[in-house]
Amino acid sequence: GGWAGVPVRVDLSVRCLDRSERELRAL
């Protein structure tokens, strides 16, 4: 949450053979 509750952004990408979008949606 950082200093004084400042939001932290984290980006996630998923890599798997021709299922990346489906797995990202499942996560």
mmCIF file of all heavy atoms, coordinates in Angstrom:
data_MODEL
# 
_entry.id   MODEL 
# 
loop_
_atom_site.group_PDB 
_atom_site.id 
_atom_site.type_symbol 
_atom_site.label_atom_id 
_atom_site.label_alt_id 
_atom_site.label_comp_id 
_atom_site.label_asym_id 
_atom_site.label_entity_id 
_atom_site.label_seq_id 
_atom_site.pdbx_PDB_ins_code 
_atom_site.Cartn_x 
_atom_site.Cartn_y 
_atom_site.Cartn_z 
_atom_site.occupancy 
_atom_site.B_iso_or_equiv 
_atom_site.pdbx_formal_charge 
_atom_site.auth_seq_id 
_atom_site.auth_comp_id 
_atom_site.auth_asym_id 
_atom_site.auth_atom_id 
_atom_site.pdbx_PDB_model_num 
ATOM 1   N N   . GLY A 1 1  ? 0.796   -1.206  0.000   1.00 0.00 ? 1  GLY A N   1 
ATOM 2   C CA  . GLY A 1 1  ? 0.000   0.000   0.000   1.00 0.00 ? 1  GLY A CA  1 
ATOM 3   C C   . GLY A 1 1  ? 0.832   1.261   0.000   1.00 0.00 ? 1  GLY A C   1 
ATOM 4   O O   . GLY A 1 1  ? 0.317   2.349   -0.112  1.00 0.00 ? 1  GLY A O   1 
ATOM 5   N N   . GLY A 1 2  ? 2.147   1.145   0.109   1.00 0.00 ? 2  GLY A N   1 
ATOM 6   C CA  . GLY A 1 2  ? 3.001   2.311   0.027   1.00 0.00 ? 2  GLY A CA  1 
ATOM 7   C C   . GLY A 1 2  ? 2.833   3.253   1.216   1.00 0.00 ? 2  GLY A C   1 
ATOM 8   O O   . GLY A 1 2  ? 2.226   2.924   2.214   1.00 0.00 ? 2  GLY A O   1 
ATOM 9   N N   . TRP A 1 3  ? 3.387   4.404   1.073   1.00 0.00 ? 3  TRP A N   1 
ATOM 10  C CA  . TRP A 1 3  ? 3.347   5.411   2.131   1.00 0.00 ? 3  TRP A CA  1 
ATOM 11  C C   . TRP A 1 3  ? 1.954   6.002   2.219   1.00 0.00 ? 3  TRP A C   1 
ATOM 12  O O   . TRP A 1 3  ? 1.348   6.332   1.209   1.00 0.00 ? 3  TRP A O   1 
ATOM 13  C CB  . TRP A 1 3  ? 4.354   6.506   1.830   1.00 0.00 ? 3  TRP A CB  1 
ATOM 14  C CG  . TRP A 1 3  ? 5.749   6.026   1.957   1.00 0.00 ? 3  TRP A CG  1 
ATOM 15  C CD1 . TRP A 1 3  ? 6.347   5.035   1.238   1.00 0.00 ? 3  TRP A CD1 1 
ATOM 16  C CD2 . TRP A 1 3  ? 6.712   6.465   2.880   1.00 0.00 ? 3  TRP A CD2 1 
ATOM 17  N NE1 . TRP A 1 3  ? 7.619   4.840   1.650   1.00 0.00 ? 3  TRP A NE1 1 
ATOM 18  C CE2 . TRP A 1 3  ? 7.878   5.710   2.660   1.00 0.00 ? 3  TRP A CE2 1 
ATOM 19  C CE3 . TRP A 1 3  ? 6.714   7.422   3.874   1.00 0.00 ? 3  TRP A CE3 1 
ATOM 20  C CZ2 . TRP A 1 3  ? 9.021   5.887   3.403   1.00 0.00 ? 3  TRP A CZ2 1 
ATOM 21  C CZ3 . TRP A 1 3  ? 7.867   7.607   4.600   1.00 0.00 ? 3  TRP A CZ3 1 
ATOM 22  C CH2 . TRP A 1 3  ? 8.994   6.843   4.371   1.00 0.00 ? 3  TRP A CH2 1 
ATOM 23  N N   . ALA A 1 4  ? 1.438   6.114   3.389   1.00 0.00 ? 4  ALA A N   1 
ATOM 24  C CA  . ALA A 1 4  ? 0.139   6.748   3.648   1.00 0.00 ? 4  ALA A CA  1 
ATOM 25  C C   . ALA A 1 4  ? -0.981  6.112   2.833   1.00 0.00 ? 4  ALA A C   1 
ATOM 26  O O   . ALA A 1 4  ? -1.902  6.778   2.413   1.00 0.00 ? 4  ALA A O   1 
ATOM 27  C CB  . ALA A 1 4  ? 0.224   8.247   3.374   1.00 0.00 ? 4  ALA A CB  1 
ATOM 28  N N   . GLY A 1 5  ? -0.874  4.827   2.600   1.00 0.00 ? 5  GLY A N   1 
ATOM 29  C CA  . GLY A 1 5  ? -1.958  4.124   1.922   1.00 0.00 ? 5  GLY A CA  1 
ATOM 30  C C   . GLY A 1 5  ? -2.055  4.366   0.437   1.00 0.00 ? 5  GLY A C   1 
ATOM 31  O O   . GLY A 1 5  ? -3.081  4.109   -0.168  1.00 0.00 ? 5  GLY A O   1 
ATOM 32  N N   . VAL A 1 6  ? -0.981  4.875   -0.199  1.00 0.00 ? 6  VAL A N   1 
ATOM 33  C CA  . VAL A 1 6  ? -0.999  5.101   -1.638  1.00 0.00 ? 6  VAL A CA  1 
ATOM 34  C C   . VAL A 1 6  ? -1.087  3.742   -2.333  1.00 0.00 ? 6  VAL A C   1 
ATOM 35  O O   . VAL A 1 6  ? -0.305  2.844   -2.036  1.00 0.00 ? 6  VAL A O   1 
ATOM 36  C CB  . VAL A 1 6  ? 0.279   5.851   -2.089  1.00 0.00 ? 6  VAL A CB  1 
ATOM 37  C CG1 . VAL A 1 6  ? 0.346   5.937   -3.604  1.00 0.00 ? 6  VAL A CG1 1 
ATOM 38  C CG2 . VAL A 1 6  ? 0.329   7.218   -1.454  1.00 0.00 ? 6  VAL A CG2 1 
ATOM 39  N N   . PRO A 1 7  ? -2.041  3.559   -3.232  1.00 0.00 ? 7  PRO A N   1 
ATOM 40  C CA  . PRO A 1 7  ? -2.186  2.258   -3.906  1.00 0.00 ? 7  PRO A CA  1 
ATOM 41  C C   . PRO A 1 7  ? -0.945  1.885   -4.709  1.00 0.00 ? 7  PRO A C   1 
ATOM 42  O O   . PRO A 1 7  ? -0.255  2.736   -5.247  1.00 0.00 ? 7  PRO A O   1 
ATOM 43  C CB  . PRO A 1 7  ? -3.376  2.461   -4.836  1.00 0.00 ? 7  PRO A CB  1 
ATOM 44  C CG  . PRO A 1 7  ? -4.091  3.648   -4.307  1.00 0.00 ? 7  PRO A CG  1 
ATOM 45  C CD  . PRO A 1 7  ? -3.058  4.507   -3.640  1.00 0.00 ? 7  PRO A CD  1 
ATOM 46  N N   . VAL A 1 8  ? -0.687  0.601   -4.775  1.00 0.00 ? 8  VAL A N   1 
ATOM 47  C CA  . VAL A 1 8  ? 0.414   0.049   -5.561  1.00 0.00 ? 8  VAL A CA  1 
ATOM 48  C C   . VAL A 1 8  ? -0.199  -0.703  -6.732  1.00 0.00 ? 8  VAL A C   1 
ATOM 49  O O   . VAL A 1 8  ? -1.138  -1.472  -6.541  1.00 0.00 ? 8  VAL A O   1 
ATOM 50  C CB  . VAL A 1 8  ? 1.258   -0.926  -4.704  1.00 0.00 ? 8  VAL A CB  1 
ATOM 51  C CG1 . VAL A 1 8  ? 2.320   -1.611  -5.541  1.00 0.00 ? 8  VAL A CG1 1 
ATOM 52  C CG2 . VAL A 1 8  ? 1.882   -0.194  -3.529  1.00 0.00 ? 8  VAL A CG2 1 
ATOM 53  N N   . ARG A 1 9  ? 0.310   -0.467  -7.945  1.00 0.00 ? 9  ARG A N   1 
ATOM 54  C CA  . ARG A 1 9  ? -0.182  -1.196  -9.106  1.00 0.00 ? 9  ARG A CA  1 
ATOM 55  C C   . ARG A 1 9  ? 0.844   -2.242  -9.514  1.00 0.00 ? 9  ARG A C   1 
ATOM 56  O O   . ARG A 1 9  ? 2.033   -1.970  -9.595  1.00 0.00 ? 9  ARG A O   1 
ATOM 57  C CB  . ARG A 1 9  ? -0.431  -0.264  -10.280 1.00 0.00 ? 9  ARG A CB  1 
ATOM 58  C CG  . ARG A 1 9  ? -1.256  -0.976  -11.370 1.00 0.00 ? 9  ARG A CG  1 
ATOM 59  C CD  . ARG A 1 9  ? -1.354  -0.202  -12.651 1.00 0.00 ? 9  ARG A CD  1 
ATOM 60  N NE  . ARG A 1 9  ? -0.232  -0.589  -13.473 1.00 0.00 ? 9  ARG A NE  1 
ATOM 61  C CZ  . ARG A 1 9  ? 0.474   0.257   -14.218 1.00 0.00 ? 9  ARG A CZ  1 
ATOM 62  N NH1 . ARG A 1 9  ? 0.179   1.524   -14.245 1.00 0.00 ? 9  ARG A NH1 1 
ATOM 63  N NH2 . ARG A 1 9  ? 1.487   -0.170  -14.927 1.00 0.00 ? 9  ARG A NH2 1 
ATOM 64  N N   . VAL A 1 10 ? 0.348   -3.439  -9.766  1.00 0.00 ? 10 VAL A N   1 
ATOM 65  C CA  . VAL A 1 10 ? 1.176   -4.538  -10.238 1.00 0.00 ? 10 VAL A CA  1 
ATOM 66  C C   . VAL A 1 10 ? 0.480   -5.133  -11.458 1.00 0.00 ? 10 VAL A C   1 
ATOM 67  O O   . VAL A 1 10 ? -0.724  -5.387  -11.414 1.00 0.00 ? 10 VAL A O   1 
ATOM 68  C CB  . VAL A 1 10 ? 1.340   -5.636  -9.153  1.00 0.00 ? 10 VAL A CB  1 
ATOM 69  C CG1 . VAL A 1 10 ? 2.187   -6.785  -9.674  1.00 0.00 ? 10 VAL A CG1 1 
ATOM 70  C CG2 . VAL A 1 10 ? 1.929   -5.056  -7.887  1.00 0.00 ? 10 VAL A CG2 1 
ATOM 71  N N   . ASP A 1 11 ? 1.226   -5.303  -12.544 1.00 0.00 ? 11 ASP A N   1 
ATOM 72  C CA  . ASP A 1 11 ? 0.669   -5.907  -13.762 1.00 0.00 ? 11 ASP A CA  1 
ATOM 73  C C   . ASP A 1 11 ? 1.124   -7.354  -13.858 1.00 0.00 ? 11 ASP A C   1 
ATOM 74  O O   . ASP A 1 11 ? 2.290   -7.664  -13.610 1.00 0.00 ? 11 ASP A O   1 
ATOM 75  C CB  . ASP A 1 11 ? 1.130   -5.145  -15.010 1.00 0.00 ? 11 ASP A CB  1 
ATOM 76  C CG  . ASP A 1 11 ? 0.543   -3.752  -15.082 1.00 0.00 ? 11 ASP A CG  1 
ATOM 77  O OD1 . ASP A 1 11 ? -0.582  -3.555  -14.572 1.00 0.00 ? 11 ASP A OD1 1 
ATOM 78  O OD2 . ASP A 1 11 ? 1.197   -2.857  -15.640 1.00 0.00 ? 11 ASP A OD2 1 
ATOM 79  N N   . LEU A 1 12 ? 0.197   -8.231  -14.218 1.00 0.00 ? 12 LEU A N   1 
ATOM 80  C CA  . LEU A 1 12 ? 0.486   -9.649  -14.374 1.00 0.00 ? 12 LEU A CA  1 
ATOM 81  C C   . LEU A 1 12 ? 0.221   -10.041 -15.817 1.00 0.00 ? 12 LEU A C   1 
ATOM 82  O O   . LEU A 1 12 ? -0.787  -9.628  -16.392 1.00 0.00 ? 12 LEU A O   1 
ATOM 83  C CB  . LEU A 1 12 ? -0.415  -10.497 -13.481 1.00 0.00 ? 12 LEU A CB  1 
ATOM 84  C CG  . LEU A 1 12 ? -0.212  -10.457 -11.976 1.00 0.00 ? 12 LEU A CG  1 
ATOM 85  C CD1 . LEU A 1 12 ? -0.764  -9.193  -11.374 1.00 0.00 ? 12 LEU A CD1 1 
ATOM 86  C CD2 . LEU A 1 12 ? -0.877  -11.648 -11.361 1.00 0.00 ? 12 LEU A CD2 1 
ATOM 87  N N   . SER A 1 13 ? 1.114   -10.822 -16.373 1.00 0.00 ? 13 SER A N   1 
ATOM 88  C CA  . SER A 1 13 ? 0.864   -11.425 -17.679 1.00 0.00 ? 13 SER A CA  1 
ATOM 89  C C   . SER A 1 13 ? 1.075   -12.922 -17.536 1.00 0.00 ? 13 SER A C   1 
ATOM 90  O O   . SER A 1 13 ? 1.879   -13.373 -16.733 1.00 0.00 ? 13 SER A O   1 
ATOM 91  C CB  . SER A 1 13 ? 1.783   -10.830 -18.753 1.00 0.00 ? 13 SER A CB  1 
ATOM 92  O OG  . SER A 1 13 ? 3.143   -11.027 -18.417 1.00 0.00 ? 13 SER A OG  1 
ATOM 93  N N   . VAL A 1 14 ? 0.299   -13.679 -18.295 1.00 0.00 ? 14 VAL A N   1 
ATOM 94  C CA  . VAL A 1 14 ? 0.336   -15.139 -18.238 1.00 0.00 ? 14 VAL A CA  1 
ATOM 95  C C   . VAL A 1 14 ? 0.810   -15.651 -19.593 1.00 0.00 ? 14 VAL A C   1 
ATOM 96  O O   . VAL A 1 14 ? 0.357   -15.175 -20.631 1.00 0.00 ? 14 VAL A O   1 
ATOM 97  C CB  . VAL A 1 14 ? -1.069  -15.703 -17.909 1.00 0.00 ? 14 VAL A CB  1 
ATOM 98  C CG1 . VAL A 1 14 ? -1.104  -17.207 -18.045 1.00 0.00 ? 14 VAL A CG1 1 
ATOM 99  C CG2 . VAL A 1 14 ? -1.489  -15.286 -16.510 1.00 0.00 ? 14 VAL A CG2 1 
ATOM 100 N N   . ARG A 1 15 ? 1.722   -16.605 -19.546 1.00 0.00 ? 15 ARG A N   1 
ATOM 101 C CA  . ARG A 1 15 ? 2.239   -17.169 -20.789 1.00 0.00 ? 15 ARG A CA  1 
ATOM 102 C C   . ARG A 1 15 ? 2.063   -18.685 -20.772 1.00 0.00 ? 15 ARG A C   1 
ATOM 103 O O   . ARG A 1 15 ? 2.589   -19.372 -19.899 1.00 0.00 ? 15 ARG A O   1 
ATOM 104 C CB  . ARG A 1 15 ? 3.712   -16.804 -20.949 1.00 0.00 ? 15 ARG A CB  1 
ATOM 105 C CG  . ARG A 1 15 ? 4.277   -17.114 -22.298 1.00 0.00 ? 15 ARG A CG  1 
ATOM 106 C CD  . ARG A 1 15 ? 5.696   -16.589 -22.481 1.00 0.00 ? 15 ARG A CD  1 
ATOM 107 N NE  . ARG A 1 15 ? 6.609   -17.123 -21.470 1.00 0.00 ? 15 ARG A NE  1 
ATOM 108 C CZ  . ARG A 1 15 ? 7.285   -16.400 -20.593 1.00 0.00 ? 15 ARG A CZ  1 
ATOM 109 N NH1 . ARG A 1 15 ? 7.153   -15.095 -20.571 1.00 0.00 ? 15 ARG A NH1 1 
ATOM 110 N NH2 . ARG A 1 15 ? 8.084   -16.965 -19.731 1.00 0.00 ? 15 ARG A NH2 1 
ATOM 111 N N   . CYS A 1 16 ? 1.275   -19.172 -21.701 1.00 0.00 ? 16 CYS A N   1 
ATOM 112 C CA  . CYS A 1 16 ? 1.126   -20.603 -21.892 1.00 0.00 ? 16 CYS A CA  1 
ATOM 113 C C   . CYS A 1 16 ? 0.615   -20.818 -23.311 1.00 0.00 ? 16 CYS A C   1 
ATOM 114 O O   . CYS A 1 16 ? -0.076  -19.968 -23.865 1.00 0.00 ? 16 CYS A O   1 
ATOM 115 C CB  . CYS A 1 16 ? 0.202   -21.233 -20.851 1.00 0.00 ? 16 CYS A CB  1 
ATOM 116 S SG  . CYS A 1 16 ? -1.428  -20.539 -20.782 1.00 0.00 ? 16 CYS A SG  1 
ATOM 117 N N   . LEU A 1 17 ? 0.944   -21.929 -23.867 1.00 0.00 ? 17 LEU A N   1 
ATOM 118 C CA  . LEU A 1 17 ? 0.646   -22.220 -25.260 1.00 0.00 ? 17 LEU A CA  1 
ATOM 119 C C   . LEU A 1 17 ? -0.838  -22.038 -25.578 1.00 0.00 ? 17 LEU A C   1 
ATOM 120 O O   . LEU A 1 17 ? -1.687  -22.714 -25.018 1.00 0.00 ? 17 LEU A O   1 
ATOM 121 C CB  . LEU A 1 17 ? 1.079   -23.659 -25.587 1.00 0.00 ? 17 LEU A CB  1 
ATOM 122 C CG  . LEU A 1 17 ? 1.021   -24.068 -27.045 1.00 0.00 ? 17 LEU A CG  1 
ATOM 123 C CD1 . LEU A 1 17 ? 1.937   -23.173 -27.880 1.00 0.00 ? 17 LEU A CD1 1 
ATOM 124 C CD2 . LEU A 1 17 ? 1.451   -25.511 -27.188 1.00 0.00 ? 17 LEU A CD2 1 
ATOM 125 N N   . ASP A 1 18 ? -1.168  -21.085 -26.426 1.00 0.00 ? 18 ASP A N   1 
ATOM 126 C CA  . ASP A 1 18 ? -2.509  -20.761 -26.932 1.00 0.00 ? 18 ASP A CA  1 
ATOM 127 C C   . ASP A 1 18 ? -3.648  -20.818 -25.912 1.00 0.00 ? 18 ASP A C   1 
ATOM 128 O O   . ASP A 1 18 ? -4.788  -21.060 -26.262 1.00 0.00 ? 18 ASP A O   1 
ATOM 129 C CB  . ASP A 1 18 ? -2.843  -21.557 -28.198 1.00 0.00 ? 18 ASP A CB  1 
ATOM 130 C CG  . ASP A 1 18 ? -2.890  -23.071 -28.022 1.00 0.00 ? 18 ASP A CG  1 
ATOM 131 O OD1 . ASP A 1 18 ? -2.057  -23.603 -27.291 1.00 0.00 ? 18 ASP A OD1 1 
ATOM 132 O OD2 . ASP A 1 18 ? -3.761  -23.703 -28.632 1.00 0.00 ? 18 ASP A OD2 1 
ATOM 133 N N   . ARG A 1 19 ? -3.345  -20.568 -24.634 1.00 0.00 ? 19 ARG A N   1 
ATOM 134 C CA  . ARG A 1 19 ? -4.380  -20.484 -23.600 1.00 0.00 ? 19 ARG A CA  1 
ATOM 135 C C   . ARG A 1 19 ? -4.169  -19.268 -22.701 1.00 0.00 ? 19 ARG A C   1 
ATOM 136 O O   . ARG A 1 19 ? -4.777  -19.153 -21.646 1.00 0.00 ? 19 ARG A O   1 
ATOM 137 C CB  . ARG A 1 19 ? -4.368  -21.737 -22.703 1.00 0.00 ? 19 ARG A CB  1 
ATOM 138 C CG  . ARG A 1 19 ? -4.745  -23.012 -23.334 1.00 0.00 ? 19 ARG A CG  1 
ATOM 139 C CD  . ARG A 1 19 ? -4.832  -24.177 -22.331 1.00 0.00 ? 19 ARG A CD  1 
ATOM 140 N NE  . ARG A 1 19 ? -4.178  -24.003 -21.054 1.00 0.00 ? 19 ARG A NE  1 
ATOM 141 C CZ  . ARG A 1 19 ? -2.909  -24.374 -20.765 1.00 0.00 ? 19 ARG A CZ  1 
ATOM 142 N NH1 . ARG A 1 19 ? -2.151  -24.924 -21.673 1.00 0.00 ? 19 ARG A NH1 1 
ATOM 143 N NH2 . ARG A 1 19 ? -2.416  -24.195 -19.562 1.00 0.00 ? 19 ARG A NH2 1 
ATOM 144 N N   . SER A 1 20 ? -3.297  -18.364 -23.097 1.00 0.00 ? 20 SER A N   1 
ATOM 145 C CA  . SER A 1 20 ? -2.913  -17.266 -22.212 1.00 0.00 ? 20 SER A CA  1 
ATOM 146 C C   . SER A 1 20 ? -4.101  -16.417 -21.776 1.00 0.00 ? 20 SER A C   1 
ATOM 147 O O   . SER A 1 20 ? -4.255  -16.119 -20.598 1.00 0.00 ? 20 SER A O   1 
ATOM 148 C CB  . SER A 1 20 ? -1.851  -16.390 -22.877 1.00 0.00 ? 20 SER A CB  1 
ATOM 149 O OG  . SER A 1 20 ? -0.662  -17.120 -23.040 1.00 0.00 ? 20 SER A OG  1 
ATOM 150 N N   . GLU A 1 21 ? -4.953  -16.020 -22.715 1.00 0.00 ? 21 GLU A N   1 
ATOM 151 C CA  . GLU A 1 21 ? -6.085  -15.172 -22.343 1.00 0.00 ? 21 GLU A CA  1 
ATOM 152 C C   . GLU A 1 21 ? -7.048  -15.929 -21.435 1.00 0.00 ? 21 GLU A C   1 
ATOM 153 O O   . GLU A 1 21 ? -7.525  -15.400 -20.427 1.00 0.00 ? 21 GLU A O   1 
ATOM 154 C CB  . GLU A 1 21 ? -6.826  -14.642 -23.564 1.00 0.00 ? 21 GLU A CB  1 
ATOM 155 C CG  . GLU A 1 21 ? -7.965  -13.703 -23.160 1.00 0.00 ? 21 GLU A CG  1 
ATOM 156 C CD  . GLU A 1 21 ? -8.623  -12.997 -24.343 1.00 0.00 ? 21 GLU A CD  1 
ATOM 157 O OE1 . GLU A 1 21 ? -8.139  -13.097 -25.485 1.00 0.00 ? 21 GLU A OE1 1 
ATOM 158 O OE2 . GLU A 1 21 ? -9.649  -12.336 -24.088 1.00 0.00 ? 21 GLU A OE2 1 
ATOM 159 N N   . ARG A 1 22 ? -7.313  -17.174 -21.752 1.00 0.00 ? 22 ARG A N   1 
ATOM 160 C CA  . ARG A 1 22 ? -8.219  -17.982 -20.923 1.00 0.00 ? 22 ARG A CA  1 
ATOM 161 C C   . ARG A 1 22 ? -7.665  -18.133 -19.506 1.00 0.00 ? 22 ARG A C   1 
ATOM 162 O O   . ARG A 1 22 ? -8.390  -18.006 -18.528 1.00 0.00 ? 22 ARG A O   1 
ATOM 163 C CB  . ARG A 1 22 ? -8.422  -19.341 -21.574 1.00 0.00 ? 22 ARG A CB  1 
ATOM 164 C CG  . ARG A 1 22 ? -9.435  -20.201 -20.856 1.00 0.00 ? 22 ARG A CG  1 
ATOM 165 C CD  . ARG A 1 22 ? -9.726  -21.482 -21.591 1.00 0.00 ? 22 ARG A CD  1 
ATOM 166 N NE  . ARG A 1 22 ? -8.845  -21.655 -22.740 1.00 0.00 ? 22 ARG A NE  1 
ATOM 167 C CZ  . ARG A 1 22 ? -8.595  -22.798 -23.326 1.00 0.00 ? 22 ARG A CZ  1 
ATOM 168 N NH1 . ARG A 1 22 ? -9.155  -23.896 -22.904 1.00 0.00 ? 22 ARG A NH1 1 
ATOM 169 N NH2 . ARG A 1 22 ? -7.783  -22.889 -24.355 1.00 0.00 ? 22 ARG A NH2 1 
ATOM 170 N N   . GLU A 1 23 ? -6.363  -18.388 -19.386 1.00 0.00 ? 23 GLU A N   1 
ATOM 171 C CA  . GLU A 1 23 ? -5.750  -18.546 -18.066 1.00 0.00 ? 23 GLU A CA  1 
ATOM 172 C C   . GLU A 1 23 ? -5.731  -17.223 -17.306 1.00 0.00 ? 23 GLU A C   1 
ATOM 173 O O   . GLU A 1 23 ? -5.942  -17.188 -16.097 1.00 0.00 ? 23 GLU A O   1 
ATOM 174 C CB  . GLU A 1 23 ? -4.340  -19.125 -18.188 1.00 0.00 ? 23 GLU A CB  1 
ATOM 175 C CG  . GLU A 1 23 ? -4.309  -20.546 -18.690 1.00 0.00 ? 23 GLU A CG  1 
ATOM 176 C CD  . GLU A 1 23 ? -4.891  -21.559 -17.700 1.00 0.00 ? 23 GLU A CD  1 
ATOM 177 O OE1 . GLU A 1 23 ? -5.308  -21.205 -16.590 1.00 0.00 ? 23 GLU A OE1 1 
ATOM 178 O OE2 . GLU A 1 23 ? -4.930  -22.747 -18.060 1.00 0.00 ? 23 GLU A OE2 1 
ATOM 179 N N   . LEU A 1 24 ? -5.497  -16.120 -18.014 1.00 0.00 ? 24 LEU A N   1 
ATOM 180 C CA  . LEU A 1 24 ? -5.506  -14.813 -17.372 1.00 0.00 ? 24 LEU A CA  1 
ATOM 181 C C   . LEU A 1 24 ? -6.901  -14.503 -16.819 1.00 0.00 ? 24 LEU A C   1 
ATOM 182 O O   . LEU A 1 24 ? -7.048  -14.015 -15.701 1.00 0.00 ? 24 LEU A O   1 
ATOM 183 C CB  . LEU A 1 24 ? -5.076  -13.739 -18.369 1.00 0.00 ? 24 LEU A CB  1 
ATOM 184 C CG  . LEU A 1 24 ? -4.665  -12.401 -17.806 1.00 0.00 ? 24 LEU A CG  1 
ATOM 185 C CD1 . LEU A 1 24 ? -3.469  -12.541 -16.876 1.00 0.00 ? 24 LEU A CD1 1 
ATOM 186 C CD2 . LEU A 1 24 ? -4.335  -11.440 -18.927 1.00 0.00 ? 24 LEU A CD2 1 
ATOM 187 N N   . ARG A 1 25 ? -7.931  -14.843 -17.579 1.00 0.00 ? 25 ARG A N   1 
ATOM 188 C CA  . ARG A 1 25 ? -9.301  -14.648 -17.110 1.00 0.00 ? 25 ARG A CA  1 
ATOM 189 C C   . ARG A 1 25 ? -9.599  -15.549 -15.911 1.00 0.00 ? 25 ARG A C   1 
ATOM 190 O O   . ARG A 1 25 ? -10.287 -15.149 -14.978 1.00 0.00 ? 25 ARG A O   1 
ATOM 191 C CB  . ARG A 1 25 ? -10.293 -14.903 -18.246 1.00 0.00 ? 25 ARG A CB  1 
ATOM 192 C CG  . ARG A 1 25 ? -10.284 -13.812 -19.303 1.00 0.00 ? 25 ARG A CG  1 
ATOM 193 C CD  . ARG A 1 25 ? -11.274 -14.093 -20.433 1.00 0.00 ? 25 ARG A CD  1 
ATOM 194 N NE  . ARG A 1 25 ? -11.185 -13.107 -21.470 1.00 0.00 ? 25 ARG A NE  1 
ATOM 195 C CZ  . ARG A 1 25 ? -11.750 -11.895 -21.429 1.00 0.00 ? 25 ARG A CZ  1 
ATOM 196 N NH1 . ARG A 1 25 ? -12.455 -11.534 -20.370 1.00 0.00 ? 25 ARG A NH1 1 
ATOM 197 N NH2 . ARG A 1 25 ? -11.613 -11.061 -22.428 1.00 0.00 ? 25 ARG A NH2 1 
ATOM 198 N N   . ALA A 1 26 ? -9.072  -16.775 -15.919 1.00 0.00 ? 26 ALA A N   1 
ATOM 199 C CA  . ALA A 1 26 ? -9.273  -17.690 -14.791 1.00 0.00 ? 26 ALA A CA  1 
ATOM 200 C C   . ALA A 1 26 ? -8.585  -17.151 -13.535 1.00 0.00 ? 26 ALA A C   1 
ATOM 201 O O   . ALA A 1 26 ? -9.151  -17.220 -12.432 1.00 0.00 ? 26 ALA A O   1 
ATOM 202 C CB  . ALA A 1 26 ? -8.747  -19.082 -15.133 1.00 0.00 ? 26 ALA A CB  1 
ATOM 203 N N   . LEU A 1 27 ? -7.393  -16.589 -13.681 1.00 0.00 ? 27 LEU A N   1 
ATOM 204 C CA  . LEU A 1 27 ? -6.708  -15.995 -12.528 1.00 0.00 ? 27 LEU A CA  1 
ATOM 205 C C   . LEU A 1 27 ? -7.489  -14.790 -12.014 1.00 0.00 ? 27 LEU A C   1 
ATOM 206 O O   . LEU A 1 27 ? -7.643  -14.609 -10.801 1.00 0.00 ? 27 LEU A O   1 
ATOM 207 C CB  . LEU A 1 27 ? -5.282  -15.597 -12.901 1.00 0.00 ? 27 LEU A CB  1 
ATOM 208 C CG  . LEU A 1 27 ? -4.466  -14.888 -11.822 1.00 0.00 ? 27 LEU A CG  1 
ATOM 209 C CD1 . LEU A 1 27 ? -4.401  -15.699 -10.526 1.00 0.00 ? 27 LEU A CD1 1 
ATOM 210 C CD2 . LEU A 1 27 ? -3.067  -14.564 -12.352 1.00 0.00 ? 27 LEU A CD2 1 
# 
